[in-house]
């Protein structure tokens, strides 16, 4: 799906989130990357094969 040079990381790569956004829907809280990964504003992900990656944003540090 990626036509960028250099190629974006694949959906299975550790850096899959570095792929270019091809469709953004910030009002709905998600974006589609050129490697077919759907990323959500809570940092969760939906991979092309249907696997889900749970949100992984850093936890707030209590003062």
N, C-alpha and C. Protein backbone atom coordinates (compact mmCIF):
# COMPACT_ATOMS: atom_id res chain seq x y z
N UNK A 1 0.82 -1.19 0.00
CA UNK A 1 0.00 0.00 0.00
C UNK A 1 0.87 1.26 0.00
N UNK A 2 2.07 1.18 0.53
CA UNK A 2 2.94 2.35 0.64
C UNK A 2 3.64 2.66 -0.68
N UNK A 3 3.56 3.92 -1.07
CA UNK A 3 4.26 4.37 -2.28
C UNK A 3 5.34 5.40 -1.95
N UNK A 4 5.66 5.55 -0.66
CA UNK A 4 6.65 6.53 -0.23
C UNK A 4 8.06 6.01 -0.45
N UNK A 5 8.99 6.95 -0.59
CA UNK A 5 10.40 6.60 -0.69
C UNK A 5 11.13 7.35 0.40
N UNK A 6 11.82 6.67 1.30
CA UNK A 6 11.87 5.23 1.46
C UNK A 6 10.53 4.69 1.94
N UNK A 7 10.36 3.38 1.77
CA UNK A 7 9.11 2.72 2.16
C UNK A 7 8.84 2.90 3.65
N UNK A 8 7.59 3.03 3.99
CA UNK A 8 7.19 3.11 5.39
C UNK A 8 7.32 1.73 6.03
N UNK A 9 7.44 1.69 7.35
CA UNK A 9 7.55 0.40 8.03
C UNK A 9 6.27 -0.42 7.84
N UNK A 10 6.43 -1.72 7.81
CA UNK A 10 5.27 -2.60 7.67
C UNK A 10 4.47 -2.63 8.97
N UNK A 11 3.28 -3.18 8.90
CA UNK A 11 2.41 -3.27 10.07
C UNK A 11 3.02 -4.13 11.17
N UNK A 12 3.90 -5.06 10.82
CA UNK A 12 4.54 -5.95 11.80
C UNK A 12 5.82 -5.37 12.39
N UNK A 13 6.28 -4.24 11.88
CA UNK A 13 7.51 -3.64 12.37
C UNK A 13 7.29 -2.98 13.73
N UNK A 14 8.33 -2.96 14.56
CA UNK A 14 8.21 -2.28 15.86
C UNK A 14 7.89 -0.80 15.72
N UNK A 15 8.29 -0.20 14.60
CA UNK A 15 8.05 1.23 14.38
C UNK A 15 6.90 1.48 13.39
N UNK A 16 5.90 0.60 13.39
CA UNK A 16 4.78 0.68 12.45
C UNK A 16 4.06 2.03 12.53
N UNK A 17 4.04 2.65 13.70
CA UNK A 17 3.36 3.94 13.88
C UNK A 17 4.05 5.07 13.13
N UNK A 18 5.24 4.84 12.60
CA UNK A 18 5.98 5.87 11.87
C UNK A 18 5.52 6.00 10.41
N UNK A 19 4.61 5.14 9.98
CA UNK A 19 4.11 5.20 8.61
C UNK A 19 3.30 6.48 8.41
N UNK A 20 3.18 6.90 7.17
CA UNK A 20 2.43 8.11 6.82
C UNK A 20 0.93 7.92 7.00
N UNK A 21 0.27 8.97 7.43
CA UNK A 21 -1.19 8.95 7.54
C UNK A 21 -1.78 9.15 6.15
N UNK A 22 -2.71 8.27 5.75
CA UNK A 22 -3.37 8.42 4.46
C UNK A 22 -4.81 8.93 4.62
N UNK A 23 -5.41 8.66 5.77
CA UNK A 23 -6.75 9.16 6.07
C UNK A 23 -6.80 9.52 7.54
N UNK A 24 -7.17 10.75 7.84
CA UNK A 24 -7.26 11.19 9.23
C UNK A 24 -8.70 11.56 9.57
N UNK A 25 -9.16 11.09 10.71
CA UNK A 25 -10.49 11.42 11.22
C UNK A 25 -10.36 11.82 12.69
N UNK A 26 -9.73 12.98 12.96
CA UNK A 26 -9.53 13.39 14.34
C UNK A 26 -10.84 13.59 15.10
N UNK A 27 -11.90 13.95 14.38
CA UNK A 27 -13.19 14.12 15.05
C UNK A 27 -13.74 12.79 15.56
N UNK A 28 -13.26 11.69 14.98
CA UNK A 28 -13.67 10.36 15.42
C UNK A 28 -12.58 9.67 16.23
N UNK A 29 -11.39 10.26 16.27
CA UNK A 29 -10.31 9.73 17.10
C UNK A 29 -9.47 8.64 16.47
N UNK A 30 -9.41 8.57 15.13
CA UNK A 30 -8.58 7.55 14.50
C UNK A 30 -8.00 8.04 13.19
N UNK A 31 -6.92 7.34 12.76
CA UNK A 31 -6.27 7.62 11.48
C UNK A 31 -5.83 6.30 10.87
N UNK A 32 -5.84 6.25 9.53
CA UNK A 32 -5.36 5.08 8.80
C UNK A 32 -3.98 5.40 8.27
N UNK A 33 -3.03 4.52 8.53
CA UNK A 33 -1.67 4.67 8.04
C UNK A 33 -1.50 3.93 6.72
N UNK A 34 -0.47 4.27 5.95
CA UNK A 34 -0.27 3.65 4.65
C UNK A 34 0.09 2.17 4.75
N UNK A 35 0.44 1.69 5.92
CA UNK A 35 0.71 0.26 6.10
C UNK A 35 -0.55 -0.48 6.58
N UNK A 36 -1.71 0.18 6.48
CA UNK A 36 -3.03 -0.39 6.80
C UNK A 36 -3.29 -0.53 8.30
N UNK A 37 -2.47 0.08 9.13
CA UNK A 37 -2.71 0.10 10.57
C UNK A 37 -3.64 1.27 10.88
N UNK A 38 -4.64 1.00 11.72
CA UNK A 38 -5.51 2.06 12.20
C UNK A 38 -5.01 2.43 13.59
N UNK A 39 -4.67 3.71 13.77
CA UNK A 39 -4.23 4.17 15.10
C UNK A 39 -5.33 5.03 15.69
N UNK A 40 -5.48 4.92 17.00
CA UNK A 40 -6.50 5.66 17.73
C UNK A 40 -5.85 6.70 18.63
N UNK A 41 -6.60 7.76 18.95
CA UNK A 41 -6.03 8.84 19.75
C UNK A 41 -5.61 8.38 21.14
N UNK A 42 -6.15 7.28 21.64
CA UNK A 42 -5.74 6.77 22.95
C UNK A 42 -4.48 5.91 22.85
N UNK A 43 -3.85 5.86 21.68
CA UNK A 43 -2.63 5.13 21.31
C UNK A 43 -2.86 3.64 21.10
N UNK A 44 -4.09 3.20 21.05
CA UNK A 44 -4.39 1.82 20.67
C UNK A 44 -4.25 1.69 19.17
N UNK A 45 -4.15 0.45 18.70
CA UNK A 45 -3.98 0.20 17.27
C UNK A 45 -4.79 -1.02 16.85
N UNK A 46 -5.21 -1.02 15.60
CA UNK A 46 -5.85 -2.16 14.98
C UNK A 46 -4.99 -2.53 13.78
N UNK A 47 -4.44 -3.74 13.80
CA UNK A 47 -3.55 -4.18 12.73
C UNK A 47 -4.37 -4.77 11.58
N UNK A 48 -3.80 -4.81 10.38
CA UNK A 48 -4.54 -5.29 9.21
C UNK A 48 -5.08 -6.71 9.36
N UNK A 49 -4.42 -7.54 10.15
CA UNK A 49 -4.88 -8.92 10.32
C UNK A 49 -5.94 -9.06 11.41
N UNK A 50 -6.37 -7.93 11.98
CA UNK A 50 -7.42 -7.95 13.01
C UNK A 50 -6.91 -7.96 14.44
N UNK A 51 -5.61 -8.10 14.62
CA UNK A 51 -5.07 -8.05 15.99
C UNK A 51 -5.20 -6.65 16.54
N UNK A 52 -5.35 -6.59 17.87
CA UNK A 52 -5.50 -5.31 18.56
C UNK A 52 -4.29 -5.09 19.43
N UNK A 53 -3.77 -3.87 19.42
CA UNK A 53 -2.70 -3.47 20.35
C UNK A 53 -3.34 -2.49 21.31
N UNK A 54 -3.29 -2.83 22.58
CA UNK A 54 -3.92 -2.01 23.62
C UNK A 54 -3.23 -0.65 23.69
N UNK A 55 -3.95 0.37 24.16
CA UNK A 55 -3.33 1.69 24.33
C UNK A 55 -2.06 1.59 25.15
N UNK A 56 -1.05 2.37 24.76
CA UNK A 56 0.25 2.29 25.44
C UNK A 56 0.85 3.66 25.72
N UNK A 57 -0.03 4.62 25.97
CA UNK A 57 0.50 5.94 26.32
C UNK A 57 1.08 5.90 27.72
N UNK A 58 2.05 6.73 27.99
CA UNK A 58 2.68 6.72 29.32
C UNK A 58 1.68 7.14 30.39
N UNK A 59 1.84 6.53 31.54
CA UNK A 59 1.00 6.87 32.69
C UNK A 59 1.45 8.19 33.28
N UNK A 60 0.51 8.95 33.77
CA UNK A 60 0.85 10.21 34.45
C UNK A 60 1.54 9.92 35.76
N UNK A 61 2.52 10.74 36.08
CA UNK A 61 3.25 10.56 37.33
C UNK A 61 2.59 11.43 38.41
N UNK A 62 2.25 10.80 39.52
CA UNK A 62 1.62 11.53 40.63
C UNK A 62 2.67 12.37 41.33
N UNK A 63 2.29 13.58 41.69
CA UNK A 63 3.22 14.49 42.36
C UNK A 63 3.32 14.21 43.83
